[in-house]
């Protein structure tokens, strides 16, 4: 088999392997470009509260809070539902929420508090229809668990996920996010976690694309050297001239 034949065969198979995925890349790109990312993330329904200055010297000792947290690696003085709190972070149960004035542990937060967090975050037209502490949330949420899931009855079926340990909103989901996430999965070819840009499928498709491009350029060089493109133009021009002549002869 000649080198040219090998290149043509490689080009054909690379095109077959790549063709379907290129179609999916284009289709998913079109779909994702239709929706503003703020709408997909639910940020258009998120209340943005201004930062509030706090004076640490007037509250409980951060060291005592860390001692209660059991393995926490950091502590932050912040606000939670209008009151000053310490929020600790760390592995496992070390994450927590504490009353900054008394040092009392507030987490895990109750359903009532989770509802208040969601109501403060949400500025849409819907109302809460359910609040559940779920240990196995749907695939749309991939963070800390268990987690409070607050469902609204708006047009987009908004779902807000609230951490029971820190009281923070961990995710906002809606029907547009679900559609977007499906096409995002097709785009990056990560059909499990939908986060890995360097998975073997992407690497294989990109390699096939490179082989397709290189082999195509080699074929173009071969055709240029053999005047294939010029011959094609001459044949097309001759066929057009013959057709025009035939049409002229038929005219009265």
Protein backbone atom coordinates (compact mmCIF):
# COMPACT_ATOMS: atom_id res chain seq x y z
CA UNK A 1 0.00 0.00 0.00
CA UNK A 2 1.39 3.40 -0.98
CA UNK A 3 1.90 6.26 1.49
CA UNK A 4 -0.85 8.23 -0.24
CA UNK A 5 -3.30 5.35 0.16
CA UNK A 6 -2.39 5.02 3.84
CA UNK A 7 -2.97 8.74 4.41
CA UNK A 8 -6.33 8.61 2.63
CA UNK A 9 -7.44 5.64 4.72
CA UNK A 10 -6.30 7.28 7.96
CA UNK A 11 -8.15 10.46 6.94
CA UNK A 12 -11.32 8.49 6.26
CA UNK A 13 -11.32 6.63 9.59
CA UNK A 14 -10.35 9.72 11.58
CA UNK A 15 -13.26 11.54 9.94
CA UNK A 16 -15.68 8.74 10.81
CA UNK A 17 -14.54 8.68 14.43
CA UNK A 18 -14.64 12.44 14.77
CA UNK A 19 -17.73 13.26 12.71
CA UNK A 20 -20.42 12.36 15.25
CA UNK A 21 -18.62 14.13 18.10
CA UNK A 22 -18.10 17.27 16.02
CA UNK A 23 -21.85 17.32 15.39
CA UNK A 24 -22.46 17.01 19.16
CA UNK A 25 -19.92 19.77 19.87
CA UNK A 26 -21.64 22.12 17.44
CA UNK A 27 -25.17 21.28 18.65
CA UNK A 28 -24.27 21.61 22.34
CA UNK A 29 -22.42 24.85 21.67
CA UNK A 30 -25.49 26.33 19.99
CA UNK A 31 -27.80 25.27 22.83
CA UNK A 32 -25.49 26.57 25.56
CA UNK A 33 -25.01 29.92 23.82
CA UNK A 34 -28.77 30.60 24.02
CA UNK A 35 -28.88 30.89 27.82
CA UNK A 36 -27.07 33.49 29.96
CA UNK A 37 -24.88 31.67 32.49
CA UNK A 38 -26.42 33.74 35.31
CA UNK A 39 -29.84 32.28 34.48
CA UNK A 40 -28.43 28.75 34.28
CA UNK A 41 -26.82 29.11 37.72
CA UNK A 42 -29.94 30.64 39.23
CA UNK A 43 -28.08 33.84 40.07
CA UNK A 44 -30.91 35.94 38.68
CA UNK A 45 -32.99 34.69 41.62
CA UNK A 46 -30.30 35.18 44.26
CA UNK A 47 -30.45 38.05 46.75
CA UNK A 48 -27.08 39.79 47.07
CA UNK A 49 -26.65 41.19 50.61
CA UNK A 50 -24.04 43.90 51.21
CA UNK A 51 -21.09 43.06 53.49
CA UNK A 52 -21.46 44.07 57.13
CA UNK A 53 -18.54 45.21 59.28
CA UNK A 54 -17.99 43.18 62.48
CA UNK A 55 -15.68 43.85 65.40
CA UNK A 56 -14.17 40.53 66.58
CA UNK A 57 -13.24 41.86 70.03
CA UNK A 58 -16.91 42.06 71.05
CA UNK A 59 -17.62 38.39 70.46
CA UNK A 60 -16.60 34.99 71.78
CA UNK A 61 -13.01 33.86 71.35
CA UNK A 62 -12.31 32.27 67.94
CA UNK A 63 -9.96 29.83 69.68
CA UNK A 64 -12.80 28.53 71.82
CA UNK A 65 -14.96 28.11 68.73
CA UNK A 66 -12.22 26.11 66.99
CA UNK A 67 -11.91 23.89 70.05
CA UNK A 68 -15.63 23.10 69.88
CA UNK A 69 -15.54 22.41 66.15
CA UNK A 70 -13.33 19.35 66.55
CA UNK A 71 -10.78 19.44 63.77
CA UNK A 72 -11.77 22.70 62.10
CA UNK A 73 -8.93 24.38 60.24
CA UNK A 74 -10.34 27.92 59.99
CA UNK A 75 -12.99 30.16 61.51
CA UNK A 76 -14.74 33.18 59.97
CA UNK A 77 -16.80 35.87 61.66
CA UNK A 78 -19.82 36.65 59.48
CA UNK A 79 -23.60 37.10 59.48
CA UNK A 80 -26.32 34.46 59.35
CA UNK A 81 -29.97 35.51 59.07
CA UNK A 82 -29.17 38.90 60.55
CA UNK A 83 -27.13 37.75 63.53
CA UNK A 84 -23.34 37.55 63.96
CA UNK A 85 -21.98 34.02 63.77
CA UNK A 86 -18.73 32.12 63.51
CA UNK A 87 -18.53 29.73 60.58
CA UNK A 88 -15.86 27.03 60.81
CA UNK A 89 -14.51 24.95 57.97
CA UNK A 90 -12.56 21.74 57.88
CA UNK A 91 -12.86 18.04 57.08
CA UNK A 92 -16.04 16.17 57.94
CA UNK A 93 -17.97 17.33 61.00
CA UNK A 94 -15.50 20.17 61.64
CA UNK A 95 -17.63 22.50 59.50
CA UNK A 96 -20.14 24.30 61.69
CA UNK A 97 -22.07 27.40 62.63
CA UNK A 98 -21.82 29.10 66.06
CA UNK A 99 -23.50 32.04 67.73
CA UNK A 100 -20.75 34.68 67.83
CA UNK A 101 -22.00 36.22 71.10
CA UNK A 102 -22.59 33.08 73.19
CA UNK A 103 -20.46 30.49 71.40
CA UNK A 104 -23.50 28.19 71.14
CA UNK A 105 -23.43 25.75 68.25
CA UNK A 106 -26.27 26.39 65.77
CA UNK A 107 -25.60 23.60 63.28
CA UNK A 108 -26.92 21.38 61.93
CA UNK A 109 -29.61 23.90 61.15
CA UNK A 110 -33.29 22.99 61.35
CA UNK A 111 -35.79 22.88 58.49
CA UNK A 112 -37.22 26.21 59.63
CA UNK A 113 -33.81 27.89 59.40
CA UNK A 114 -33.11 26.25 56.04
CA UNK A 115 -36.39 27.66 54.74
CA UNK A 116 -35.44 31.14 55.98
CA UNK A 117 -32.07 30.89 54.23
CA UNK A 118 -33.79 29.92 50.97
CA UNK A 119 -36.41 32.67 51.32
CA UNK A 120 -33.69 35.28 51.84
CA UNK A 121 -31.74 34.00 48.82
CA UNK A 122 -34.73 33.71 46.48
CA UNK A 123 -36.24 36.81 44.87
CA UNK A 124 -38.51 35.16 42.29
CA UNK A 125 -42.30 34.93 42.13
CA UNK A 126 -42.66 31.37 43.42
CA UNK A 127 -43.35 29.92 46.85
CA UNK A 128 -41.78 27.04 48.76
CA UNK A 129 -43.66 23.78 48.20
CA UNK A 130 -41.31 21.39 50.01
CA UNK A 131 -38.19 21.24 52.15
CA UNK A 132 -36.37 17.95 52.61
CA UNK A 133 -33.09 16.88 54.17
CA UNK A 134 -31.77 14.49 51.53
CA UNK A 135 -28.81 12.16 51.92
CA UNK A 136 -28.88 11.07 48.28
CA UNK A 137 -29.75 14.16 46.23
CA UNK A 138 -30.21 13.91 42.45
CA UNK A 139 -27.20 14.17 40.18
CA UNK A 140 -27.79 17.90 39.69
CA UNK A 141 -26.22 18.45 43.14
CA UNK A 142 -22.72 17.07 43.74
CA UNK A 143 -21.69 18.75 46.98
CA UNK A 144 -21.95 18.16 50.72
CA UNK A 145 -24.56 15.70 51.92
CA UNK A 146 -26.96 15.42 53.60
CA UNK A 147 -28.28 18.73 52.33
CA UNK A 148 -31.51 20.66 52.64
CA UNK A 149 -33.37 20.81 49.31
CA UNK A 150 -35.91 23.63 49.07
CA UNK A 151 -38.33 23.42 46.11
CA UNK A 152 -40.24 26.37 44.64
CA UNK A 153 -43.31 26.34 42.41
CA UNK A 154 -42.11 28.97 39.91
CA UNK A 155 -42.04 28.44 36.13
CA UNK A 156 -38.48 27.12 36.21
CA UNK A 157 -39.05 24.76 39.19
CA UNK A 158 -36.23 26.36 41.14
CA UNK A 159 -34.42 24.21 43.70
CA UNK A 160 -32.14 25.71 46.36
CA UNK A 161 -29.68 23.51 48.25
CA UNK A 162 -28.73 24.69 51.76
CA UNK A 163 -25.90 23.22 53.83
CA UNK A 164 -27.10 22.00 57.26
CA UNK A 165 -23.60 22.45 58.69
CA UNK A 166 -22.75 25.97 57.51
CA UNK A 167 -26.17 27.40 56.62
CA UNK A 168 -24.86 28.51 53.23
CA UNK A 169 -26.62 28.17 49.88
CA UNK A 170 -24.55 25.53 48.12
CA UNK A 171 -26.36 25.38 44.78
CA UNK A 172 -29.29 26.78 42.84
CA UNK A 173 -30.90 24.61 40.22
CA UNK A 174 -33.75 24.96 37.73
CA UNK A 175 -35.06 23.35 34.54
CA UNK A 176 -32.76 25.44 32.36
CA UNK A 177 -29.77 24.27 34.38
CA UNK A 178 -30.81 20.64 33.79
CA UNK A 179 -31.04 21.19 30.01
CA UNK A 180 -27.74 23.07 29.99
CA UNK A 181 -26.03 20.39 32.07
CA UNK A 182 -27.09 17.67 29.63
CA UNK A 183 -25.52 19.46 26.67
CA UNK A 184 -22.49 20.40 28.80
CA UNK A 185 -22.00 16.67 29.40
CA UNK A 186 -22.06 16.04 25.64
CA UNK A 187 -19.68 18.93 25.03
CA UNK A 188 -16.91 17.85 27.43
CA UNK A 189 -17.61 14.11 26.98
CA UNK A 190 -17.65 13.44 30.72
CA UNK A 191 -20.75 11.27 31.09
CA UNK A 192 -20.33 10.61 34.82
CA UNK A 193 -19.20 13.61 36.89
CA UNK A 194 -19.52 16.19 34.09
CA UNK A 195 -16.47 18.08 35.36
CA UNK A 196 -13.39 16.44 33.81
CA UNK A 197 -11.98 18.25 30.77
CA UNK A 198 -9.08 15.80 30.53
CA UNK A 199 -10.92 12.50 30.32
CA UNK A 200 -9.78 9.84 27.82
CA UNK A 201 -12.73 10.45 25.47
CA UNK A 202 -11.84 14.13 25.01
CA UNK A 203 -8.19 13.25 24.57
CA UNK A 204 -9.06 10.61 21.97
CA UNK A 205 -11.41 12.93 20.06
CA UNK A 206 -8.87 15.75 20.04
CA UNK A 207 -6.16 13.36 18.82
CA UNK A 208 -8.49 12.13 16.06
CA UNK A 209 -9.13 15.74 15.08
CA UNK A 210 -5.41 16.44 14.83
CA UNK A 211 -4.83 13.31 12.71
CA UNK A 212 -7.78 14.29 10.50
CA UNK A 213 -6.39 17.79 9.95
CA UNK A 214 -2.82 16.63 9.24
CA UNK A 215 -3.90 13.87 6.87
CA UNK A 216 -6.24 16.30 5.12
CA UNK A 217 -3.40 18.76 4.55
CA UNK A 218 -1.22 15.98 3.10
CA UNK A 219 -4.02 15.03 0.70
CA UNK A 220 -4.35 18.68 -0.34
CA UNK A 221 -0.61 18.82 -1.09
CA UNK A 222 -0.86 15.69 -3.25
CA UNK A 223 -3.79 17.17 -5.19
CA UNK A 224 -2.02 20.47 -5.72
CA UNK A 225 1.06 18.70 -7.06
CA UNK A 226 -1.07 16.71 -9.52
CA UNK A 227 -3.16 19.72 -10.56
CA UNK A 228 -6.31 17.99 -9.38
CA UNK A 229 -8.02 21.22 -8.34
CA UNK A 230 -7.14 22.92 -11.66
CA UNK A 231 -8.37 19.91 -13.59
CA UNK A 232 -11.62 19.93 -11.64
CA UNK A 233 -12.09 23.62 -12.44
CA UNK A 234 -11.38 23.02 -16.12
CA UNK A 235 -13.84 20.13 -16.24
CA UNK A 236 -16.50 22.19 -14.49
CA UNK A 237 -15.90 25.12 -16.86
CA UNK A 238 -16.08 22.84 -19.91
CA UNK A 239 -19.29 21.22 -18.72
CA UNK A 240 -20.84 24.64 -18.12
CA UNK A 241 -19.76 25.85 -21.59
CA UNK A 242 -21.21 22.72 -23.23
CA UNK A 243 -24.50 23.14 -21.39
CA UNK A 244 -24.76 26.78 -22.43
CA UNK A 245 -24.03 25.84 -26.06
CA UNK A 246 -26.66 23.10 -26.05
CA UNK A 247 -29.21 25.48 -24.56
CA UNK A 248 -28.42 28.10 -27.23
CA UNK A 249 -28.85 25.56 -30.03
CA UNK A 250 -32.29 24.57 -28.78
CA UNK A 251 -33.53 28.12 -28.76
CA UNK A 252 -35.54 29.13 -31.91
